[in-house]
Protein backbone atom coordinates (compact mmCIF):
# COMPACT_ATOMS: atom_id res chain seq x y z
CA MET A 1 -67.34 74.95 135.25
CA ALA A 2 -70.36 73.84 137.22
CA LYS A 3 -69.99 71.52 140.17
CA ARG A 4 -69.82 67.93 138.94
CA LYS A 5 -71.53 64.92 140.42
CA SER A 6 -69.23 63.13 142.80
CA ARG A 7 -70.17 59.64 141.59
CA ILE A 8 -69.57 58.30 138.08
CA GLN A 9 -72.87 57.26 136.57
CA LEU A 10 -73.31 53.91 134.80
CA ARG A 11 -76.03 54.02 132.17
CA SER A 12 -78.09 51.12 130.86
CA GLY A 13 -81.35 50.21 129.13
CA SER A 14 -83.63 53.12 128.30
CA GLU A 15 -81.01 55.56 129.57
CA LEU A 16 -78.73 54.52 126.72
CA ASP A 17 -81.59 54.91 124.24
CA GLY A 18 -81.99 58.48 125.46
CA LEU A 19 -78.27 59.19 125.18
CA ARG A 20 -78.11 57.69 121.70
CA GLU A 21 -80.98 59.92 120.59
CA ALA A 22 -79.34 63.00 122.10
CA GLY A 23 -75.99 62.16 120.51
CA SER A 24 -77.54 61.61 117.09
CA ILE A 25 -79.37 64.94 117.22
CA ALA A 26 -76.23 66.80 118.34
CA ALA A 27 -74.21 65.16 115.56
CA ASN A 28 -76.76 66.08 112.90
CA ILE A 29 -76.89 69.69 114.03
CA LEU A 30 -73.09 69.88 114.01
CA ARG A 31 -73.03 68.44 110.49
CA GLN A 32 -75.51 71.01 109.22
CA CYS A 33 -73.65 73.88 110.88
CA ALA A 34 -70.36 72.65 109.41
CA GLU A 35 -71.92 72.70 105.93
CA MET A 36 -72.58 76.43 106.37
CA VAL A 37 -68.91 77.27 106.91
CA ALA A 38 -67.66 79.35 103.98
CA PRO A 39 -65.83 82.64 103.33
CA GLY A 40 -68.12 85.61 104.00
CA VAL A 41 -70.37 83.87 106.53
CA THR A 42 -70.53 85.38 110.01
CA THR A 43 -70.20 83.32 113.16
CA GLY A 44 -73.50 84.80 114.33
CA THR A 45 -75.29 83.44 111.27
CA ILE A 46 -74.12 79.93 112.11
CA ASP A 47 -75.08 80.37 115.76
CA GLN A 48 -78.61 81.43 114.80
CA ALA A 49 -78.94 78.53 112.39
CA ALA A 50 -77.92 76.19 115.20
CA ALA A 51 -80.59 77.73 117.43
CA ASP A 52 -83.22 77.11 114.75
CA LEU A 53 -82.08 73.50 114.29
CA VAL A 54 -82.18 72.86 118.03
CA THR A 55 -85.77 74.17 118.14
CA GLU A 56 -86.76 72.09 115.10
CA ASN A 57 -85.58 69.02 116.98
CA LYS A 58 -87.67 70.00 120.02
CA CYS A 59 -84.51 70.33 122.11
CA VAL A 60 -82.78 73.16 123.94
CA SER A 61 -79.18 74.30 123.77
CA ALA A 62 -77.13 72.80 126.60
CA PHE A 63 -74.82 75.83 126.37
CA LEU A 64 -77.18 78.83 126.18
CA GLY A 65 -77.40 80.36 129.65
CA TYR A 66 -74.97 77.85 131.15
CA ARG A 67 -73.26 79.94 133.83
CA GLY A 68 -74.35 82.92 131.72
CA PHE A 69 -72.94 81.77 128.36
CA PRO A 70 -74.71 83.88 125.69
CA GLY A 71 -74.34 81.62 122.63
CA ASN A 72 -76.39 78.73 121.32
CA ILE A 73 -73.21 76.90 120.33
CA CYS A 74 -69.52 77.55 120.84
CA ILE A 75 -67.87 78.83 117.66
CA SER A 76 -64.16 79.63 117.83
CA VAL A 77 -61.90 80.84 115.01
CA ASN A 78 -58.14 80.33 114.44
CA GLU A 79 -56.30 81.10 117.71
CA GLU A 80 -59.58 80.83 119.65
CA VAL A 81 -59.46 77.46 121.40
CA VAL A 82 -62.97 76.96 122.80
CA HIS A 83 -66.01 78.85 124.13
CA GLY A 84 -66.12 81.40 121.31
CA ILE A 85 -69.38 83.37 120.99
CA GLY A 86 -71.10 83.79 117.63
CA GLY A 87 -71.38 87.39 116.44
CA THR A 88 -70.32 89.73 113.65
CA ARG A 89 -66.97 88.08 112.89
CA VAL A 90 -66.75 87.19 109.20
CA LEU A 91 -65.07 83.93 108.21
CA ASN A 92 -62.25 84.34 105.70
CA GLU A 93 -60.61 81.95 103.26
CA GLY A 94 -57.91 80.02 105.09
CA ASP A 95 -59.46 80.31 108.56
CA ILE A 96 -60.23 77.29 110.72
CA VAL A 97 -63.41 77.32 112.79
CA LYS A 98 -64.29 75.12 115.74
CA ILE A 99 -67.99 74.36 116.22
CA ASP A 100 -69.10 72.75 119.48
CA VAL A 101 -72.76 71.70 119.74
CA GLY A 102 -74.43 70.63 122.96
CA ILE A 103 -78.15 69.88 123.22
CA GLU A 104 -80.61 68.62 125.80
CA THR A 105 -83.56 66.51 124.69
CA PRO A 106 -87.08 66.83 126.12
CA ALA A 107 -86.31 63.70 128.15
CA GLY A 108 -83.35 65.47 129.73
CA TRP A 109 -80.42 63.73 128.02
CA ILE A 110 -77.32 65.58 126.79
CA GLY A 111 -75.57 65.25 123.43
CA ASP A 112 -72.19 66.98 123.03
CA ASN A 113 -69.74 67.03 120.11
CA ALA A 114 -67.33 69.27 118.23
CA LYS A 115 -65.11 69.45 115.18
CA THR A 116 -62.80 71.89 113.44
CA ILE A 117 -63.71 72.91 109.90
CA PRO A 118 -61.48 74.55 107.28
CA VAL A 119 -62.84 77.70 105.66
CA GLY A 120 -62.20 77.17 101.97
CA VAL A 121 -58.63 76.17 101.23
CA ILE A 122 -56.31 76.26 104.25
CA GLY A 123 -52.54 76.08 104.52
CA GLY A 124 -50.61 72.88 104.94
CA GLU A 125 -49.62 73.63 108.53
CA ALA A 126 -53.24 74.19 109.51
CA GLU A 127 -54.29 71.03 107.68
CA ALA A 128 -51.66 69.00 109.54
CA LEU A 129 -52.85 70.38 112.90
CA LEU A 130 -56.46 69.41 112.18
CA ALA A 131 -55.49 65.93 110.99
CA SER A 132 -53.32 65.28 114.04
CA THR A 133 -55.97 66.53 116.46
CA GLU A 134 -58.67 64.35 114.95
CA GLU A 135 -56.31 61.39 114.98
CA SER A 136 -55.65 61.95 118.69
CA LEU A 137 -59.39 61.80 119.36
CA TYR A 138 -59.65 58.39 117.74
CA ALA A 139 -56.49 57.21 119.48
CA ALA A 140 -58.14 58.09 122.78
CA ILE A 141 -61.38 56.37 121.79
CA SER A 142 -59.45 53.20 120.90
CA ASN A 143 -58.21 53.09 124.52
CA ALA A 144 -61.65 53.74 125.98
CA ARG A 145 -62.39 50.12 126.88
CA GLU A 146 -63.82 48.38 129.90
CA GLY A 147 -61.01 47.51 132.31
CA GLU A 148 -58.62 50.22 131.11
CA LEU A 149 -57.66 53.05 133.43
CA LEU A 150 -58.93 56.49 132.43
CA SER A 151 -55.30 57.62 132.29
CA SER A 152 -54.78 55.40 129.22
CA VAL A 153 -57.39 57.43 127.36
CA CYS A 154 -56.01 60.77 128.52
CA ARG A 155 -52.33 59.98 127.94
CA SER A 156 -52.92 58.79 124.38
CA VAL A 157 -54.03 62.25 123.22
CA GLU A 158 -50.81 64.00 124.19
CA GLU A 159 -48.67 61.11 122.97
CA CYS A 160 -50.37 61.28 119.57
CA VAL A 161 -49.87 65.00 118.98
CA GLN A 162 -46.55 65.70 120.65
CA VAL A 163 -44.64 63.73 118.00
CA HIS A 164 -45.71 66.50 115.60
CA GLY A 165 -44.54 69.24 117.96
CA TYR A 166 -48.04 70.19 119.13
CA THR A 167 -49.23 70.78 122.69
CA VAL A 168 -52.46 69.94 124.47
CA VAL A 169 -54.48 72.48 126.42
CA LYS A 170 -54.36 71.42 130.07
CA GLN A 171 -56.60 74.07 131.58
CA PHE A 172 -59.77 72.65 129.99
CA VAL A 173 -60.82 69.00 129.90
CA GLY A 174 -63.43 66.53 128.72
CA HIS A 175 -66.02 65.11 131.08
CA GLY A 176 -68.74 62.62 131.79
CA VAL A 177 -72.08 63.17 130.04
CA GLY A 178 -75.61 62.23 131.01
CA ARG A 179 -78.40 64.33 132.42
CA GLN A 180 -75.95 67.13 133.12
CA LEU A 181 -73.56 68.71 130.66
CA HIS A 182 -70.58 68.09 132.95
CA GLU A 183 -70.51 64.97 135.09
CA GLU A 184 -67.71 62.90 136.59
CA PRO A 185 -65.11 61.94 135.62
CA GLN A 186 -63.03 64.78 134.28
CA VAL A 187 -61.16 63.68 131.14
CA PRO A 188 -57.93 65.65 130.57
CA ASN A 189 -55.91 65.30 127.36
CA TYR A 190 -52.71 64.32 129.17
CA TRP A 191 -51.73 62.48 132.33
CA ASP A 192 -49.11 63.41 134.89
CA GLU A 193 -49.47 61.57 138.19
CA ASP A 194 -48.18 64.38 140.39
CA GLU A 195 -50.27 67.04 138.68
CA MET A 196 -53.37 64.84 138.73
CA ARG A 197 -53.07 64.48 142.51
CA ILE A 198 -52.78 68.24 142.88
CA ARG A 199 -55.80 68.82 140.63
CA ARG A 200 -57.67 65.97 142.36
CA PHE A 201 -58.44 64.22 139.10
CA LYS A 202 -59.67 60.66 139.54
CA ASN A 203 -58.23 57.73 137.61
CA PRO A 204 -61.03 55.15 137.65
CA ARG A 205 -60.95 51.85 135.85
CA LEU A 206 -63.44 52.17 133.01
CA GLN A 207 -66.68 50.22 133.29
CA ALA A 208 -69.36 49.41 130.74
CA GLY A 209 -72.07 52.06 130.97
CA MET A 210 -69.78 55.04 131.52
CA VAL A 211 -70.39 57.87 129.05
CA LEU A 212 -67.50 60.23 128.32
CA ALA A 213 -67.03 63.35 126.23
CA ILE A 214 -63.48 63.04 124.92
CA GLU A 215 -62.33 66.34 123.42
CA PRO A 216 -58.71 66.99 122.43
CA MET A 217 -57.84 70.71 122.31
CA VAL A 218 -54.49 70.94 120.55
CA ASN A 219 -52.31 73.99 119.92
CA ALA A 220 -49.72 74.53 117.21
CA GLY A 221 -47.56 76.44 119.70
CA THR A 222 -47.59 76.86 123.46
CA GLU A 223 -50.10 75.06 125.67
CA ASP A 224 -50.75 78.30 127.54
CA VAL A 225 -54.08 80.04 127.02
CA LEU A 226 -55.80 83.29 127.94
CA ILE A 227 -59.46 84.23 128.40
CA LEU A 228 -60.69 87.34 126.59
CA ASP A 229 -62.58 90.22 128.19
CA ASP A 230 -65.91 88.59 127.30
CA ASP A 231 -65.04 86.14 130.12
CA TRP A 232 -65.59 83.17 127.79
CA THR A 233 -63.47 83.02 124.67
CA VAL A 234 -60.25 81.07 125.25
CA ILE A 235 -57.30 81.91 122.99
CA THR A 236 -53.76 80.63 122.66
CA LYS A 237 -51.31 82.87 124.51
CA ASP A 238 -48.97 83.03 121.50
CA ARG A 239 -51.90 83.49 119.05
CA GLU A 240 -50.96 80.32 117.18
CA LEU A 241 -53.70 78.09 115.75
CA SER A 242 -55.69 75.67 117.88
CA ALA A 243 -57.91 72.74 116.88
CA HIS A 244 -60.69 70.94 118.74
CA PHE A 245 -62.49 67.65 118.05
CA GLU A 246 -64.97 65.91 120.37
CA HIS A 247 -67.12 62.79 120.52
CA THR A 248 -69.37 61.47 123.25
CA VAL A 249 -68.69 57.76 123.68
CA LEU A 250 -70.16 54.87 125.62
CA ILE A 251 -67.83 52.41 127.32
CA THR A 252 -68.83 48.82 126.49
CA SER A 253 -67.38 45.35 126.98
CA GLY A 254 -65.67 45.80 123.59
CA GLU A 255 -64.93 48.84 121.46
CA ALA A 256 -66.39 52.13 122.66
CA GLU A 257 -69.64 53.14 120.97
CA ILE A 258 -69.54 56.63 119.48
CA LEU A 259 -72.86 58.27 120.39
CA THR A 260 -72.25 61.31 118.15
CA PRO A 261 -71.50 59.54 114.85
CA ARG A 262 -69.99 61.32 111.86
CA GLU A 263 -67.55 60.58 109.10
CA ARG A 264 -63.90 61.28 109.82
CA SER A 265 -62.53 64.40 108.16
CA TYR A 266 -59.00 63.01 107.72
CA SER A 267 -57.69 59.56 106.96
CA THR A 268 -55.28 57.87 109.34
CA ALA A 269 -52.55 58.28 106.73
CA ALA A 270 -53.13 62.05 106.56
CA ALA A 271 -52.47 62.37 110.29
């Protein structure tokens, strides 16, 4: 990942207007891409549609060209965790596909969000994984309040999914969002004090004006991952399914404001 700013930015006023606009655009593009998911559709078709939508909104992809990434969005299927590249792969009934959309507005603000979409009818085990992963995202958001430590947000993801026997990916994390795609702080989906010191992760007390991309990446099997020969696509080491959900949120004096609004895919009861 690119070098992150060393200081956590606090946004206010017109900056928040810019971030709300960016988040809304990113959310709408994700929604339209998700509506395209169906058996027989290629990942490249969805990637190109995303490129067209980004252009229609007078934005640019925040991912295309980022450290050489060749896709307009990240589109990852089944055992692919994140950073999948759209191409000739055909979606089949029963697959799950993760779509991650990041855009930059003409004013220079970033919107970033992701969700996992079933392709047609999926199996019960896959459905349970998606429901639990989405639930962990909202559990984390519920802890994203002014005065809380960042660790409360991070820890809640793993606590939510491990009761179902799932694991969180530890190699990749969420992040601050603003004028750069990746800003401070890093937002892992777990919290271990000793490991955090080794990895030099900060544990700030959350303040109003912080903007965070919270993005649980949850595996049905082992937490271990591999990177394919394309140097981007991350897969589960045991080839079990993985799910990914992400929102960009603003820390406020009360409940966090979701800057990438969408309807939930699964009810709390389903998770």
